[in-house]
Amino acid sequence: MAGVGSLQEEALKRKERLKALRRKHQGEIEETGDSEPPEKKIAGEAEEGNKEIRQPIFKNYKPENESLQDAVAERAQPEKVEEHIKDQLEAAKPEPVVEEVDLMNLAPRKPDWDLKRDVSKKLEKLERRTQRAIAELIRERLASGKEDLVTVVNVSAAANQQSLDSDED
């Protein structure tokens, strides 16, 4: 039964501590000059700041007293939702993505399409240089004066045509 005695001693110590806290708290209240506890003081301030009485608003209740008839809220009218629903239904309709099928987009590309794309700019530069070189060769032949202009142009055109035919194959 030694445990019961120690529990009683702890209870007495706890009571003494609580009494000391109450005395300390009462001393603070007496020093400030207030006789009311802080909780009552706060509630009193709220009442003083709110001196006018709030009128109730009756939304679902019809009061029998005539003086309260002014506080009845007007009945809310439901909105017409037909227009909103029509807009939403129209927005939900799927639009046809493609009306005509483009066969070029569906056909697979040739395996070397990327090489042609990358090399095409360089080929354009080379084509221009080739045309300049051909023009210089024609001028040199004309300057030498061995052949007349018509035969030189025909020979160079034939050579150019043969080179184009060999590139296509």
Protein backbone atom coordinates (compact mmCIF):
# COMPACT_ATOMS: atom_id res chain seq x y z
CA MET A 1 0.00 0.00 0.00
CA ALA A 2 3.01 2.26 -0.25
CA GLY A 3 1.82 3.25 -3.73
CA VAL A 4 -1.40 4.80 -2.38
CA GLY A 5 0.50 7.05 0.04
CA SER A 6 2.77 8.37 -2.67
CA LEU A 7 -0.20 9.07 -4.93
CA GLN A 8 -1.85 11.09 -2.16
CA GLU A 9 1.33 13.06 -1.61
CA GLU A 10 1.54 13.86 -5.35
CA ALA A 11 -2.12 14.94 -5.37
CA LEU A 12 -1.47 17.30 -2.43
CA LYS A 13 1.56 18.79 -4.19
CA ARG A 14 -0.49 19.32 -7.35
CA LYS A 15 -3.25 21.06 -5.34
CA GLU A 16 -0.71 23.39 -3.73
CA ARG A 17 0.75 24.31 -7.12
CA LEU A 18 -2.73 25.07 -8.49
CA LYS A 19 -3.51 27.25 -5.46
CA ALA A 20 -0.23 29.12 -5.98
CA LEU A 21 -1.08 29.71 -9.64
CA ARG A 22 -4.56 30.99 -8.67
CA ARG A 23 -3.07 33.38 -6.11
CA LYS A 24 -0.55 34.61 -8.67
CA HIS A 25 -3.30 35.10 -11.23
CA GLN A 26 -5.48 36.93 -8.70
CA GLY A 27 -2.51 39.17 -7.87
CA GLU A 28 -2.15 40.17 -11.53
CA ILE A 29 -5.85 41.00 -11.77
CA GLU A 30 -5.71 43.12 -8.57
CA GLU A 31 -2.62 44.94 -9.87
CA THR A 32 -4.39 45.95 -13.10
CA GLY A 33 -7.38 47.08 -11.09
CA ASP A 34 -9.89 44.82 -12.83
CA SER A 35 -12.13 42.66 -10.75
CA GLU A 36 -13.38 40.59 -13.71
CA PRO A 37 -11.48 37.64 -15.15
CA PRO A 38 -10.06 38.16 -18.67
CA GLU A 39 -12.70 35.91 -20.30
CA LYS A 40 -15.58 38.03 -18.98
CA LYS A 41 -13.72 41.19 -19.95
CA ILE A 42 -13.43 40.10 -23.60
CA ALA A 43 -17.10 39.10 -23.76
CA GLY A 44 -18.12 42.47 -22.28
CA GLU A 45 -16.07 44.37 -24.88
CA ALA A 46 -17.73 42.44 -27.69
CA GLU A 47 -21.15 43.36 -26.34
CA GLU A 48 -20.22 47.04 -25.98
CA GLY A 49 -18.92 47.22 -29.55
CA ASN A 50 -22.03 45.55 -30.88
CA LYS A 51 -24.70 47.71 -29.27
CA GLU A 52 -27.17 47.62 -32.11
CA ILE A 53 -29.15 44.43 -32.35
CA ARG A 54 -28.83 42.49 -35.56
CA GLN A 55 -32.06 41.78 -37.35
CA PRO A 56 -32.65 38.17 -38.35
CA ILE A 57 -33.20 37.35 -42.00
CA PHE A 58 -35.86 34.76 -42.65
CA LYS A 59 -35.20 32.74 -45.77
CA ASN A 60 -37.33 29.64 -45.24
CA TYR A 61 -39.57 30.81 -42.44
CA LYS A 62 -42.59 33.09 -42.57
CA PRO A 63 -42.96 34.83 -39.20
CA GLU A 64 -46.42 35.42 -37.81
CA ASN A 65 -45.42 38.66 -36.11
CA GLU A 66 -46.08 41.65 -38.36
CA SER A 67 -43.01 43.55 -37.16
CA LEU A 68 -40.77 40.74 -38.46
CA GLN A 69 -42.34 40.68 -41.91
CA ASP A 70 -39.73 43.19 -43.13
CA ALA A 71 -36.94 40.73 -42.38
CA VAL A 72 -38.29 38.06 -44.73
CA ALA A 73 -35.92 37.49 -47.63
CA GLU A 74 -37.32 37.41 -51.16
CA ARG A 75 -37.68 34.02 -52.77
CA ALA A 76 -34.85 33.27 -55.12
CA GLN A 77 -35.85 32.57 -58.69
CA PRO A 78 -34.03 29.67 -60.34
CA GLU A 79 -31.96 30.58 -63.36
CA LYS A 80 -32.87 29.30 -66.79
CA VAL A 81 -30.27 26.72 -67.64
CA GLU A 82 -31.48 25.76 -71.10
CA GLU A 83 -29.12 28.22 -72.80
CA HIS A 84 -26.16 27.06 -70.74
CA ILE A 85 -26.93 23.44 -71.56
CA LYS A 86 -27.25 24.21 -75.28
CA ASP A 87 -23.86 25.93 -75.26
CA GLN A 88 -22.25 23.01 -73.49
CA LEU A 89 -23.81 20.48 -75.83
CA GLU A 90 -22.63 22.43 -78.86
CA ALA A 91 -19.14 22.67 -77.41
CA ALA A 92 -19.12 18.91 -76.76
CA LYS A 93 -19.89 17.99 -80.39
CA PRO A 94 -16.73 16.74 -82.07
CA GLU A 95 -15.77 18.61 -85.20
CA PRO A 96 -14.58 16.59 -88.19
CA VAL A 97 -10.81 16.80 -88.13
CA VAL A 98 -10.07 15.94 -91.75
CA GLU A 99 -12.74 15.97 -94.40
CA GLU A 100 -10.51 14.79 -97.22
CA VAL A 101 -7.67 12.35 -96.82
CA ASP A 102 -4.42 13.56 -98.33
CA LEU A 103 -2.68 10.53 -99.82
CA MET A 104 0.70 12.25 -99.71
CA ASN A 105 0.52 12.45 -95.92
CA LEU A 106 -0.47 8.80 -95.63
CA ALA A 107 2.15 7.42 -98.00
CA PRO A 108 5.44 6.50 -96.36
CA ARG A 109 8.46 8.56 -97.31
CA LYS A 110 11.36 7.17 -99.22
CA PRO A 111 14.25 5.97 -97.06
CA ASP A 112 16.63 8.66 -98.33
CA TRP A 113 14.32 11.66 -97.93
CA ASP A 114 16.34 13.10 -95.08
CA LEU A 115 19.58 12.87 -97.07
CA LYS A 116 18.00 14.72 -99.99
CA ARG A 117 16.70 17.37 -97.60
CA ASP A 118 20.09 17.93 -96.02
CA VAL A 119 22.08 17.90 -99.27
CA SER A 120 19.65 20.03 -101.36
CA LYS A 121 21.17 23.39 -100.27
CA LYS A 122 24.67 22.25 -101.15
CA LEU A 123 23.45 20.93 -104.50
CA GLU A 124 21.91 24.31 -105.35
CA LYS A 125 25.26 26.02 -104.77
CA LEU A 126 27.02 23.44 -106.92
CA GLU A 127 24.42 23.83 -109.68
CA ARG A 128 25.05 27.58 -109.80
CA ARG A 129 28.83 27.02 -109.97
CA THR A 130 28.35 24.46 -112.72
CA GLN A 131 26.29 26.91 -114.81
CA ARG A 132 28.98 29.60 -114.38
CA ALA A 133 31.69 27.18 -115.41
CA ILE A 134 29.74 26.19 -118.54
CA ALA A 135 29.22 29.86 -119.41
CA GLU A 136 32.98 30.54 -119.08
CA LEU A 137 33.83 27.59 -121.31
CA ILE A 138 31.43 28.90 -123.96
CA ARG A 139 33.00 32.37 -123.79
CA GLU A 140 36.49 30.90 -124.15
CA ARG A 141 35.46 28.97 -127.27
CA LEU A 142 33.86 32.07 -128.72
CA ALA A 143 36.92 34.13 -127.92
CA SER A 144 39.18 31.65 -129.68
CA GLY A 145 37.01 32.21 -132.77
CA LYS A 146 37.38 28.71 -134.12
CA GLU A 147 33.71 27.94 -134.27
CA ASP A 148 30.66 30.04 -134.80
CA LEU A 149 28.19 30.85 -131.99
CA VAL A 150 25.37 28.51 -133.05
CA THR A 151 27.46 25.34 -133.12
CA VAL A 152 29.05 26.10 -129.75
CA VAL A 153 25.65 26.63 -128.10
CA ASN A 154 24.27 23.43 -129.63
CA VAL A 155 27.28 21.37 -128.51
CA SER A 156 27.15 22.74 -124.95
CA ALA A 157 23.37 22.15 -124.73
CA ALA A 158 23.81 18.56 -125.87
CA ALA A 159 26.56 18.00 -123.30
CA ASN A 160 24.41 19.53 -120.59
CA GLN A 161 21.47 17.30 -121.56
CA GLN A 162 23.66 14.19 -121.44
CA SER A 163 24.95 15.09 -118.00
CA LEU A 164 21.37 15.59 -116.75
CA ASP A 165 20.27 12.24 -118.19
CA SER A 166 23.19 10.46 -116.54
CA ASP A 167 22.37 12.11 -113.13
CA GLU A 168 18.77 10.92 -113.28
CA ASP A 169 19.77 7.29 -113.83
